Amino acid sequence: MSVLRQATRNMIHAPENHPMKLRFLVLILLFVWSKPAAHAQGAIPAKDRVVVLISIDGFPAWLWRDPTLPVPTLRKLAANGAVAEAMTVSNPSITWINHTTMVTGVTPRRHGVLFNGLLVRQGTDRPPLIEQWRDKADLVRVPTLYDLAHQAGLKTAHVDWVAILNSGTIDAEMLEIPKVGGQIERELIAAGAVTAQEIATFTKGKNVAWRDTVWTQAATHIIDTRKPNLLLYHPLNTDSTNHTYGPGSFASHTAFAYTDRLVGDILAALERGGRKATVVITTDHGFKKVSKVIHPNVALRKAGLLQADGPKPITCEAYTMTQGGLAFVYVTDPSKRDALKPKLRALFAKMEGMDKVLDGSEAPTLGMPTPEENQGMGDLILYAKAGYAFQGIVLGEEEVAESKNYLGTHGYLASDPELEGIFIASGYGIKPGAKLGRMSNLDIAPTLAELLGVKLPETEGRVLKEILDLPAAP
């Protein structure tokens, strides 16, 4: 470049130079000096790229470490990108809670989601209930990654993401329960990928592997036709299979193998699109095997604190909402809370399979809100021992029973190694061969925000800079 500069000076000072020639020379020099620098840096604007977050439901790190797990697509992504030894999830270690953590970078104490839906209290002598399909605004209390990407002018999309209904910041979507009149659904119907009747009866008698297939067709269709900059995708069959047959079973391995093939379909769609793509594979929680189930509501009924003449209580002074390895206990009449909590603690502490009985005021130590901060938090928190899980039935005499057709679950303390999940990142902006030790799912949102060039406010996670190799902007 010094030779070029010297030649330029010679031309400028040459007596025969004309002003028009000088202007032409300046234009050439601007092109030569600026263009190579931008090419060398190689930065590609976020609007010309795509970041895909795939959460494979119920994928424990301990199962990923099993070399016989047949997931060649994921193994290749890990070999060509970055992989974590294990990823700590949030309490409660349940699907909607952790999917919300992934896109906010904050704990449930701040984002507010504590169930697969919204807990609603019904009165002083009635049990609470879960309203699942509530708007995102009723569930999530902080900005999300897709909110900020949309506000930055990027195209956003999701397939079967959760706590996202009517967000107003998603440009293309297919919900967990699709709509016959939905835009993507209508296009899939027109293409012959699915029928209107199948969409209308999507969750009735259809196996989850089939639903995953249709959701994947929706995801690839969105990639092909909408060119999103951010796509969130959540297949479910692995979770369903782990619950029914147990994690690590033959059926479990088969479910993960099939999901691996579906991930391959998404990668093929990204390849067709030709854009620079970053793919992150993760999960919402790990899994533990179950052999016995605890029925805390049966114990309440036998203690005279719950009345029922059918599968649902008629009235109650206390009630438990169960979530696998976790249960929240609610005193339905706040005026009786102080008097009843010691009695309830004693009742549950002596039950077989009970690991911990915590007060709701202790929830912030686990990243969850107090009952005063969020009405969804229980007055007491129950955790089951390994091999045990909670179920919410109210009838019968058995407070603990052998588990049938329910051989795996989650919900246990996130500090349990079996609840740790996987994390793989590959593609544009990711260092090939980068290794992470233990990370938190709080780190996913700020890292994806960095890839998208947006800023998440006040996250509790960190940008995983050690796996990033983003070219500087020109």
Foldseek 3Di string as FASTA:
>chain_A
DVVVVVVLVCQVPDPVDDPVVNVVVVVVVVCVVPVVVQVVLVFDALQQEAEEEEAEAAFALVLVPPVPQQQVLVVVLCQFFEWESWAFAAFQLDQQQRLQLLFALAFCQQQVAHDLAAWDFDAQWFHIDGDRPDALVVGTRFDTLLQQLQVVVFAAEEEQRGSHHPVVRHDYYAHPLGDLPHPLNVVCCVVVVDHSVCSVCVPPPDQLLVVLVVSLVSLLVCCQPVVGSYYYYYRDNLVLQCFQPNDPDPSNSVSSRSVSVSVVSNVVSVVVSVTFYKYKYKHSWHKAWAWKEFAVLQLQVVVVQFDDPDFGTPTGQKFWDFAWQKIAIARSRVVCLVVCPVVSCVSVVPDPFWDDKAALVCCVVRRHHRCVSHVPGHRIMTGGDGNYTYDHTNDDNDRMDTDHSGTMGGSHRSVPSRTIMIIGMHTPFFDRPHYHYYAYSSQNNQQVCVVNVGDNPPRPGHHPVSGTDRRDRD
